[in-house]
N, C-alpha and C. Protein backbone atom coordinates (compact mmCIF):
# COMPACT_ATOMS: atom_id res chain seq x y z
N MET A 1 0.85 -1.17 0.00
CA MET A 1 0.00 0.00 0.00
C MET A 1 0.90 1.24 0.00
N VAL A 2 0.62 2.13 -0.88
CA VAL A 2 1.28 3.42 -0.91
C VAL A 2 0.19 4.48 -0.85
N ASN A 3 0.22 5.26 0.21
CA ASN A 3 -0.81 6.28 0.43
C ASN A 3 -2.21 5.67 0.41
N GLY A 4 -2.32 4.44 0.95
CA GLY A 4 -3.62 3.79 1.04
C GLY A 4 -4.08 3.11 -0.23
N VAL A 5 -3.27 3.12 -1.26
CA VAL A 5 -3.65 2.52 -2.54
C VAL A 5 -2.82 1.26 -2.77
N PRO A 6 -3.46 0.11 -3.05
CA PRO A 6 -2.71 -1.13 -3.32
C PRO A 6 -1.82 -0.96 -4.55
N GLN A 7 -0.62 -1.50 -4.47
CA GLN A 7 0.34 -1.43 -5.56
C GLN A 7 0.62 -2.83 -6.10
N GLY A 8 1.37 -2.91 -7.17
CA GLY A 8 1.72 -4.19 -7.76
C GLY A 8 2.73 -4.95 -6.91
N VAL A 9 2.98 -6.17 -7.29
CA VAL A 9 3.93 -7.03 -6.58
C VAL A 9 5.35 -6.54 -6.85
N PHE A 10 6.19 -6.58 -5.83
CA PHE A 10 7.60 -6.25 -6.02
C PHE A 10 8.45 -7.32 -5.36
N HIS A 11 9.65 -7.47 -5.83
CA HIS A 11 10.57 -8.47 -5.32
C HIS A 11 11.75 -7.77 -4.67
N LEU A 12 12.10 -8.22 -3.47
CA LEU A 12 13.23 -7.64 -2.75
C LEU A 12 14.52 -8.01 -3.44
N THR A 13 15.45 -7.07 -3.46
CA THR A 13 16.76 -7.35 -4.03
C THR A 13 17.83 -7.42 -2.96
N ARG A 14 17.56 -6.83 -1.79
CA ARG A 14 18.53 -6.84 -0.70
C ARG A 14 17.80 -7.07 0.62
N GLY A 15 18.54 -7.57 1.58
CA GLY A 15 18.00 -7.74 2.93
C GLY A 15 18.21 -6.47 3.74
N ILE A 16 17.98 -6.58 5.01
CA ILE A 16 18.20 -5.45 5.90
C ILE A 16 19.70 -5.25 6.08
N ARG A 17 20.12 -4.03 6.02
CA ARG A 17 21.54 -3.70 6.15
C ARG A 17 21.91 -3.42 7.60
N GLN A 18 23.18 -3.61 7.89
CA GLN A 18 23.68 -3.30 9.22
C GLN A 18 23.45 -1.82 9.50
N GLY A 19 22.97 -1.52 10.69
CA GLY A 19 22.70 -0.13 11.05
C GLY A 19 21.26 0.28 10.81
N ASP A 20 20.48 -0.58 10.13
CA ASP A 20 19.07 -0.28 9.92
C ASP A 20 18.38 -0.23 11.29
N PRO A 21 17.54 0.78 11.54
CA PRO A 21 16.92 0.91 12.87
C PRO A 21 16.06 -0.27 13.28
N ILE A 22 15.51 -1.01 12.34
CA ILE A 22 14.64 -2.14 12.69
C ILE A 22 15.44 -3.42 12.96
N SER A 23 16.72 -3.42 12.58
CA SER A 23 17.55 -4.61 12.71
C SER A 23 17.61 -5.20 14.12
N PRO A 24 17.84 -4.40 15.18
CA PRO A 24 17.89 -5.00 16.52
C PRO A 24 16.59 -5.68 16.93
N TYR A 25 15.46 -5.12 16.51
CA TYR A 25 14.17 -5.71 16.87
C TYR A 25 13.98 -7.05 16.18
N LEU A 26 14.38 -7.13 14.93
CA LEU A 26 14.27 -8.40 14.21
C LEU A 26 15.19 -9.45 14.82
N PHE A 27 16.39 -9.02 15.23
CA PHE A 27 17.31 -9.96 15.86
C PHE A 27 16.72 -10.49 17.16
N ILE A 28 16.11 -9.62 17.96
CA ILE A 28 15.50 -10.05 19.23
C ILE A 28 14.38 -11.04 18.96
N LEU A 29 13.56 -10.80 17.94
CA LEU A 29 12.50 -11.75 17.60
C LEU A 29 13.07 -13.11 17.22
N CYS A 30 14.15 -13.09 16.44
CA CYS A 30 14.79 -14.35 16.03
C CYS A 30 15.39 -15.06 17.24
N ALA A 31 16.06 -14.32 18.12
CA ALA A 31 16.66 -14.91 19.31
C ALA A 31 15.59 -15.51 20.21
N GLU A 32 14.45 -14.85 20.30
CA GLU A 32 13.35 -15.37 21.11
C GLU A 32 12.83 -16.69 20.53
N THR A 33 12.80 -16.79 19.22
CA THR A 33 12.39 -18.03 18.57
C THR A 33 13.37 -19.16 18.89
N LEU A 34 14.67 -18.86 18.83
CA LEU A 34 15.67 -19.87 19.18
C LEU A 34 15.53 -20.27 20.64
N THR A 35 15.24 -19.31 21.52
CA THR A 35 15.02 -19.61 22.93
C THR A 35 13.87 -20.59 23.10
N LYS A 36 12.79 -20.36 22.39
CA LYS A 36 11.63 -21.26 22.48
C LYS A 36 11.97 -22.66 21.97
N LEU A 37 12.70 -22.75 20.87
CA LEU A 37 13.10 -24.05 20.33
C LEU A 37 13.95 -24.82 21.35
N ILE A 38 14.91 -24.14 21.94
CA ILE A 38 15.78 -24.78 22.93
C ILE A 38 14.98 -25.17 24.17
N GLY A 39 14.08 -24.28 24.60
CA GLY A 39 13.25 -24.56 25.77
C GLY A 39 12.37 -25.79 25.58
N LYS A 40 11.76 -25.92 24.41
CA LYS A 40 10.93 -27.10 24.12
C LYS A 40 11.76 -28.38 24.12
N ALA A 41 12.95 -28.31 23.53
CA ALA A 41 13.81 -29.49 23.49
C ALA A 41 14.26 -29.87 24.89
N GLU A 42 14.52 -28.88 25.73
CA GLU A 42 14.93 -29.17 27.10
C GLU A 42 13.76 -29.75 27.90
N ALA A 43 12.57 -29.20 27.71
CA ALA A 43 11.39 -29.71 28.41
C ALA A 43 11.07 -31.15 28.01
N ALA A 44 11.36 -31.49 26.76
CA ALA A 44 11.12 -32.85 26.28
C ALA A 44 12.23 -33.81 26.68
N GLY A 45 13.31 -33.28 27.27
CA GLY A 45 14.42 -34.13 27.69
C GLY A 45 15.39 -34.46 26.57
N ALA A 46 15.27 -33.76 25.43
CA ALA A 46 16.16 -34.02 24.30
C ALA A 46 17.56 -33.47 24.56
N ILE A 47 17.64 -32.33 25.25
CA ILE A 47 18.93 -31.75 25.63
C ILE A 47 18.87 -31.38 27.10
N HIS A 48 20.04 -31.24 27.70
CA HIS A 48 20.12 -30.88 29.12
C HIS A 48 21.10 -29.73 29.27
N GLY A 49 20.69 -28.70 29.98
CA GLY A 49 21.57 -27.57 30.25
C GLY A 49 22.58 -27.91 31.33
N VAL A 50 23.39 -26.93 31.66
CA VAL A 50 24.41 -27.08 32.69
C VAL A 50 23.79 -26.75 34.05
N PRO A 51 23.91 -27.66 35.03
CA PRO A 51 23.33 -27.36 36.34
C PRO A 51 24.16 -26.31 37.09
N ILE A 52 23.46 -25.34 37.68
CA ILE A 52 24.12 -24.34 38.53
C ILE A 52 23.33 -24.26 39.83
N ALA A 53 23.87 -23.57 40.80
CA ALA A 53 23.22 -23.40 42.10
C ALA A 53 22.83 -24.75 42.69
N ARG A 54 23.82 -25.63 42.80
CA ARG A 54 23.65 -26.98 43.37
C ARG A 54 22.58 -27.79 42.65
N GLY A 55 22.50 -27.61 41.33
CA GLY A 55 21.59 -28.40 40.53
C GLY A 55 20.15 -27.94 40.54
N LEU A 56 19.84 -26.84 41.25
CA LEU A 56 18.46 -26.36 41.31
C LEU A 56 18.03 -25.67 40.02
N LEU A 57 18.99 -25.19 39.27
CA LEU A 57 18.70 -24.44 38.05
C LEU A 57 19.62 -24.94 36.95
N ARG A 58 19.08 -25.04 35.75
CA ARG A 58 19.88 -25.44 34.59
C ARG A 58 19.88 -24.33 33.57
N VAL A 59 21.04 -24.07 32.99
CA VAL A 59 21.18 -23.06 31.95
C VAL A 59 21.46 -23.79 30.64
N SER A 60 20.60 -23.59 29.66
CA SER A 60 20.77 -24.25 28.37
C SER A 60 21.35 -23.31 27.32
N HIS A 61 21.20 -22.00 27.53
CA HIS A 61 21.73 -21.05 26.55
C HIS A 61 21.85 -19.66 27.19
N LEU A 62 22.77 -18.88 26.64
CA LEU A 62 22.96 -17.49 27.01
C LEU A 62 23.16 -16.70 25.73
N PHE A 63 22.52 -15.56 25.62
CA PHE A 63 22.70 -14.69 24.47
C PHE A 63 23.29 -13.37 24.94
N PHE A 64 24.27 -12.88 24.20
CA PHE A 64 24.85 -11.58 24.47
C PHE A 64 25.09 -10.90 23.14
N ALA A 65 24.38 -9.80 22.91
CA ALA A 65 24.44 -9.09 21.63
C ALA A 65 24.16 -10.10 20.51
N VAL A 66 25.09 -10.31 19.61
CA VAL A 66 24.86 -11.26 18.52
C VAL A 66 25.57 -12.59 18.76
N ASP A 67 26.05 -12.80 19.97
CA ASP A 67 26.75 -14.03 20.30
C ASP A 67 25.86 -14.94 21.13
N SER A 68 26.07 -16.23 20.99
CA SER A 68 25.26 -17.22 21.71
C SER A 68 26.17 -18.26 22.34
N LEU A 69 25.82 -18.66 23.55
CA LEU A 69 26.46 -19.78 24.21
C LEU A 69 25.39 -20.84 24.42
N LEU A 70 25.61 -22.03 23.90
CA LEU A 70 24.64 -23.11 24.02
C LEU A 70 25.28 -24.24 24.82
N PHE A 71 24.53 -24.84 25.73
CA PHE A 71 25.06 -25.87 26.61
C PHE A 71 24.30 -27.17 26.42
N CYS A 72 25.02 -28.28 26.43
CA CYS A 72 24.39 -29.60 26.42
C CYS A 72 25.40 -30.61 26.96
N LYS A 73 24.94 -31.82 27.19
CA LYS A 73 25.84 -32.88 27.64
C LYS A 73 26.79 -33.24 26.50
N ALA A 74 27.98 -33.67 26.88
CA ALA A 74 29.00 -33.99 25.88
C ALA A 74 28.84 -35.41 25.39
N ASN A 75 27.78 -35.63 24.60
CA ASN A 75 27.64 -36.92 23.92
C ASN A 75 27.06 -36.67 22.53
N ALA A 76 27.26 -37.61 21.66
CA ALA A 76 26.88 -37.43 20.26
C ALA A 76 25.37 -37.26 20.09
N PHE A 77 24.57 -37.90 20.93
CA PHE A 77 23.12 -37.81 20.80
C PHE A 77 22.64 -36.39 21.09
N GLU A 78 23.10 -35.82 22.21
CA GLU A 78 22.67 -34.46 22.54
C GLU A 78 23.21 -33.45 21.56
N TRP A 79 24.47 -33.62 21.15
CA TRP A 79 25.02 -32.70 20.16
C TRP A 79 24.19 -32.76 18.88
N GLY A 80 23.83 -33.96 18.44
CA GLY A 80 23.03 -34.10 17.23
C GLY A 80 21.68 -33.40 17.36
N ARG A 81 21.04 -33.52 18.51
CA ARG A 81 19.75 -32.86 18.73
C ARG A 81 19.91 -31.34 18.73
N LEU A 82 20.96 -30.85 19.40
CA LEU A 82 21.20 -29.41 19.43
C LEU A 82 21.54 -28.89 18.04
N PHE A 83 22.34 -29.65 17.31
CA PHE A 83 22.71 -29.25 15.95
C PHE A 83 21.48 -29.22 15.04
N ASN A 84 20.57 -30.18 15.20
CA ASN A 84 19.33 -30.18 14.42
C ASN A 84 18.48 -28.96 14.74
N LEU A 85 18.43 -28.57 16.02
CA LEU A 85 17.71 -27.34 16.39
C LEU A 85 18.29 -26.12 15.68
N LEU A 86 19.62 -26.08 15.64
CA LEU A 86 20.27 -24.95 14.96
C LEU A 86 19.97 -24.96 13.46
N ARG A 87 19.91 -26.13 12.86
CA ARG A 87 19.58 -26.22 11.43
C ARG A 87 18.14 -25.75 11.17
N VAL A 88 17.22 -26.14 12.04
CA VAL A 88 15.82 -25.69 11.91
C VAL A 88 15.77 -24.18 12.04
N TYR A 89 16.49 -23.64 13.01
CA TYR A 89 16.54 -22.19 13.21
C TYR A 89 17.14 -21.48 11.99
N GLU A 90 18.23 -22.03 11.46
CA GLU A 90 18.86 -21.43 10.27
C GLU A 90 17.89 -21.41 9.10
N GLU A 91 17.19 -22.50 8.91
CA GLU A 91 16.25 -22.61 7.79
C GLU A 91 15.10 -21.61 7.93
N ALA A 92 14.61 -21.45 9.15
CA ALA A 92 13.48 -20.55 9.38
C ALA A 92 13.88 -19.08 9.34
N SER A 93 15.04 -18.75 9.91
CA SER A 93 15.44 -17.35 10.03
C SER A 93 16.32 -16.87 8.88
N ARG A 94 16.88 -17.79 8.13
CA ARG A 94 17.84 -17.49 7.07
C ARG A 94 19.13 -16.90 7.63
N GLN A 95 19.37 -17.07 8.93
CA GLN A 95 20.66 -16.73 9.52
C GLN A 95 21.51 -17.98 9.48
N ARG A 96 22.81 -17.81 9.42
CA ARG A 96 23.72 -18.94 9.33
C ARG A 96 24.76 -18.88 10.44
N LEU A 97 25.14 -20.06 10.94
CA LEU A 97 26.26 -20.15 11.87
C LEU A 97 27.53 -19.79 11.11
N ASN A 98 28.37 -18.98 11.70
CA ASN A 98 29.67 -18.70 11.12
C ASN A 98 30.62 -19.75 11.68
N MET A 99 30.90 -20.76 10.89
CA MET A 99 31.70 -21.89 11.36
C MET A 99 33.14 -21.48 11.68
N ASP A 100 33.62 -20.38 11.09
CA ASP A 100 34.97 -19.91 11.41
C ASP A 100 35.04 -19.33 12.82
N LYS A 101 33.91 -18.83 13.32
CA LYS A 101 33.87 -18.22 14.65
C LYS A 101 33.20 -19.12 15.69
N THR A 102 32.81 -20.32 15.29
CA THR A 102 32.11 -21.23 16.19
C THR A 102 33.08 -22.26 16.74
N SER A 103 33.03 -22.49 18.03
CA SER A 103 33.89 -23.49 18.65
C SER A 103 33.15 -24.19 19.78
N ILE A 104 33.69 -25.30 20.20
CA ILE A 104 33.09 -26.10 21.26
C ILE A 104 34.04 -26.15 22.44
N ILE A 105 33.50 -25.91 23.62
CA ILE A 105 34.27 -26.02 24.86
C ILE A 105 33.79 -27.27 25.59
N PHE A 106 34.72 -28.11 25.99
CA PHE A 106 34.39 -29.32 26.74
C PHE A 106 34.79 -29.14 28.19
N SER A 107 34.06 -29.78 29.10
CA SER A 107 34.46 -29.77 30.50
C SER A 107 35.69 -30.65 30.66
N LYS A 108 36.37 -30.47 31.77
CA LYS A 108 37.59 -31.25 32.02
C LYS A 108 37.30 -32.74 32.14
N SER A 109 36.07 -33.09 32.53
CA SER A 109 35.73 -34.50 32.73
C SER A 109 35.37 -35.22 31.43
N THR A 110 35.32 -34.52 30.33
CA THR A 110 34.99 -35.16 29.04
C THR A 110 36.23 -35.86 28.49
N SER A 111 36.09 -37.12 28.16
CA SER A 111 37.24 -37.89 27.68
C SER A 111 37.71 -37.37 26.32
N ARG A 112 38.99 -37.57 26.03
CA ARG A 112 39.57 -37.13 24.75
C ARG A 112 38.88 -37.82 23.58
N LEU A 113 38.56 -39.09 23.74
CA LEU A 113 37.90 -39.84 22.68
C LEU A 113 36.55 -39.22 22.34
N THR A 114 35.77 -38.89 23.37
CA THR A 114 34.47 -38.25 23.16
C THR A 114 34.64 -36.89 22.50
N GLN A 115 35.63 -36.12 22.96
CA GLN A 115 35.88 -34.81 22.36
C GLN A 115 36.18 -34.92 20.86
N HIS A 116 37.07 -35.82 20.52
CA HIS A 116 37.45 -35.99 19.10
C HIS A 116 36.26 -36.46 18.27
N TYR A 117 35.46 -37.35 18.82
CA TYR A 117 34.29 -37.85 18.09
C TYR A 117 33.29 -36.73 17.82
N ILE A 118 32.97 -35.95 18.85
CA ILE A 118 32.00 -34.85 18.69
C ILE A 118 32.54 -33.80 17.73
N LEU A 119 33.81 -33.46 17.86
CA LEU A 119 34.40 -32.46 16.95
C LEU A 119 34.39 -32.96 15.50
N SER A 120 34.59 -34.25 15.30
CA SER A 120 34.59 -34.78 13.94
C SER A 120 33.20 -34.75 13.32
N ILE A 121 32.16 -35.06 14.10
CA ILE A 121 30.81 -35.01 13.51
C ILE A 121 30.29 -33.59 13.44
N ALA A 122 30.79 -32.70 14.30
CA ALA A 122 30.32 -31.31 14.30
C ALA A 122 30.97 -30.49 13.20
N GLY A 123 32.17 -30.87 12.81
CA GLY A 123 32.89 -30.09 11.80
C GLY A 123 33.34 -28.75 12.35
N MET A 124 33.57 -28.68 13.66
CA MET A 124 34.00 -27.44 14.32
C MET A 124 35.33 -27.67 14.99
N ARG A 125 35.88 -26.59 15.49
CA ARG A 125 37.14 -26.67 16.20
C ARG A 125 36.89 -26.62 17.70
N SER A 126 37.87 -27.07 18.44
CA SER A 126 37.80 -27.01 19.89
C SER A 126 38.26 -25.62 20.33
N PHE A 127 37.68 -25.14 21.38
CA PHE A 127 38.00 -23.82 21.93
C PHE A 127 39.39 -23.86 22.54
N MET A 128 40.18 -22.83 22.28
CA MET A 128 41.52 -22.73 22.84
C MET A 128 41.47 -21.90 24.12
N THR A 129 42.19 -22.32 25.13
CA THR A 129 42.11 -21.65 26.44
C THR A 129 42.63 -20.22 26.41
N TYR A 130 43.46 -19.87 25.45
CA TYR A 130 44.00 -18.51 25.38
C TYR A 130 43.09 -17.54 24.63
N GLU A 131 42.01 -18.02 24.04
CA GLU A 131 41.13 -17.15 23.26
C GLU A 131 40.46 -16.12 24.15
N LYS A 132 40.16 -14.97 23.55
CA LYS A 132 39.53 -13.89 24.30
C LYS A 132 38.17 -13.58 23.68
N TYR A 133 37.28 -13.02 24.51
CA TYR A 133 35.98 -12.58 24.05
C TYR A 133 35.81 -11.14 24.52
N LEU A 134 35.62 -10.22 23.58
CA LEU A 134 35.52 -8.79 23.86
C LEU A 134 36.73 -8.29 24.65
N GLY A 135 37.90 -8.84 24.34
CA GLY A 135 39.13 -8.40 24.97
C GLY A 135 39.42 -9.00 26.32
N LEU A 136 38.53 -9.84 26.83
CA LEU A 136 38.72 -10.46 28.14
C LEU A 136 38.95 -11.95 27.97
N PRO A 137 39.67 -12.56 28.91
CA PRO A 137 39.88 -14.00 28.81
C PRO A 137 38.55 -14.75 28.90
N SER A 138 38.35 -15.71 28.04
CA SER A 138 37.10 -16.45 28.03
C SER A 138 37.02 -17.44 29.17
N ILE A 139 38.14 -18.01 29.53
CA ILE A 139 38.17 -18.96 30.63
C ILE A 139 39.10 -18.40 31.71
N VAL A 140 38.55 -18.25 32.90
CA VAL A 140 39.34 -17.75 34.03
C VAL A 140 39.49 -18.91 35.01
N GLY A 141 40.71 -19.29 35.25
CA GLY A 141 40.96 -20.39 36.18
C GLY A 141 41.01 -19.91 37.62
N ARG A 142 41.63 -20.71 38.44
CA ARG A 142 41.73 -20.36 39.87
C ARG A 142 42.63 -19.14 40.08
N ASN A 143 43.64 -18.97 39.25
CA ASN A 143 44.56 -17.86 39.40
C ASN A 143 44.07 -16.67 38.56
N ARG A 144 43.22 -15.89 39.14
CA ARG A 144 42.63 -14.75 38.42
C ARG A 144 43.68 -13.68 38.11
N ASN A 145 44.69 -13.56 38.97
CA ASN A 145 45.73 -12.56 38.73
C ASN A 145 46.43 -12.79 37.40
N ASN A 146 46.77 -14.04 37.10
CA ASN A 146 47.42 -14.34 35.81
C ASN A 146 46.47 -14.12 34.65
N SER A 147 45.19 -14.43 34.82
CA SER A 147 44.22 -14.29 33.74
C SER A 147 44.05 -12.84 33.31
N PHE A 148 44.07 -11.92 34.27
CA PHE A 148 43.81 -10.51 33.97
C PHE A 148 45.07 -9.65 34.01
N LYS A 149 46.24 -10.28 34.17
CA LYS A 149 47.49 -9.54 34.26
C LYS A 149 47.74 -8.69 33.02
N GLY A 150 47.49 -9.22 31.84
CA GLY A 150 47.71 -8.47 30.61
C GLY A 150 46.86 -7.22 30.52
N ILE A 151 45.62 -7.32 30.98
CA ILE A 151 44.72 -6.16 30.95
C ILE A 151 45.19 -5.11 31.94
N LEU A 152 45.56 -5.53 33.14
CA LEU A 152 46.06 -4.59 34.15
C LEU A 152 47.33 -3.90 33.67
N ASP A 153 48.23 -4.65 33.05
CA ASP A 153 49.47 -4.05 32.52
C ASP A 153 49.16 -3.01 31.45
N ALA A 154 48.20 -3.30 30.57
CA ALA A 154 47.83 -2.36 29.52
C ALA A 154 47.25 -1.08 30.11
N VAL A 155 46.42 -1.21 31.15
CA VAL A 155 45.84 -0.03 31.80
C VAL A 155 46.94 0.78 32.47
N ARG A 156 47.87 0.10 33.13
CA ARG A 156 48.99 0.80 33.78
C ARG A 156 49.84 1.56 32.76
N ARG A 157 50.08 0.95 31.59
CA ARG A 157 50.86 1.63 30.55
C ARG A 157 50.14 2.89 30.07
N LYS A 158 48.82 2.80 29.90
CA LYS A 158 48.05 3.97 29.45
C LYS A 158 48.09 5.08 30.49
N ILE A 159 47.89 4.69 31.75
CA ILE A 159 47.81 5.69 32.82
C ILE A 159 49.18 6.32 33.07
N SER A 160 50.26 5.59 32.85
CA SER A 160 51.58 6.13 33.12
C SER A 160 51.88 7.35 32.24
N GLY A 161 51.20 7.47 31.12
CA GLY A 161 51.40 8.62 30.23
C GLY A 161 50.65 9.86 30.69
N TYR A 162 49.68 9.72 31.58
CA TYR A 162 48.92 10.87 32.06
C TYR A 162 49.61 11.51 33.25
N LYS A 163 49.29 12.74 33.46
CA LYS A 163 49.80 13.41 34.66
C LYS A 163 48.98 12.96 35.85
N VAL A 164 49.64 12.56 36.90
CA VAL A 164 48.96 12.04 38.07
C VAL A 164 48.05 13.09 38.68
N LYS A 165 48.46 14.36 38.67
CA LYS A 165 47.66 15.40 39.31
C LYS A 165 46.33 15.65 38.58
N SER A 166 46.25 15.29 37.30
CA SER A 166 44.99 15.51 36.58
C SER A 166 43.98 14.40 36.79
N LEU A 167 44.40 13.32 37.47
CA LEU A 167 43.48 12.23 37.77
C LEU A 167 42.76 12.51 39.08
N SER A 168 41.49 12.23 39.14
CA SER A 168 40.75 12.43 40.39
C SER A 168 40.82 11.19 41.24
């Protein structure tokens, strides 16, 4: 409709561009759909999230901006179910996983054989402990001082160039 008058059929030549004001709203709608898909699979017992708070609560996914963290048990059956959910989501939303930026993190208790098997069927890489997310270490061990030492050193280098008296 243009000015209340029906117009002829038109075909889109481009999708929504980055920076389009409606883009964040569409992303939220898509993320909510993925949340529902994961929630239904978890309710049906097809996948299991990570237990927290002494097992009283399970987390199956976390979304931050355009990044997603998905959790399941480290076995081929659950990975296959989760991967099928992602394929359904991709087909419906026309969004695609960026396999170059996608990796799998295994718990320490997961055997090497299981890790290699899941990585081979997933076609993904294993997460490296030195990788960073938004400039921060992705995995922080017991020694937090070593994990954040590089960031503290960088801040100290920046501050050393300023006059101390101008800092409040």
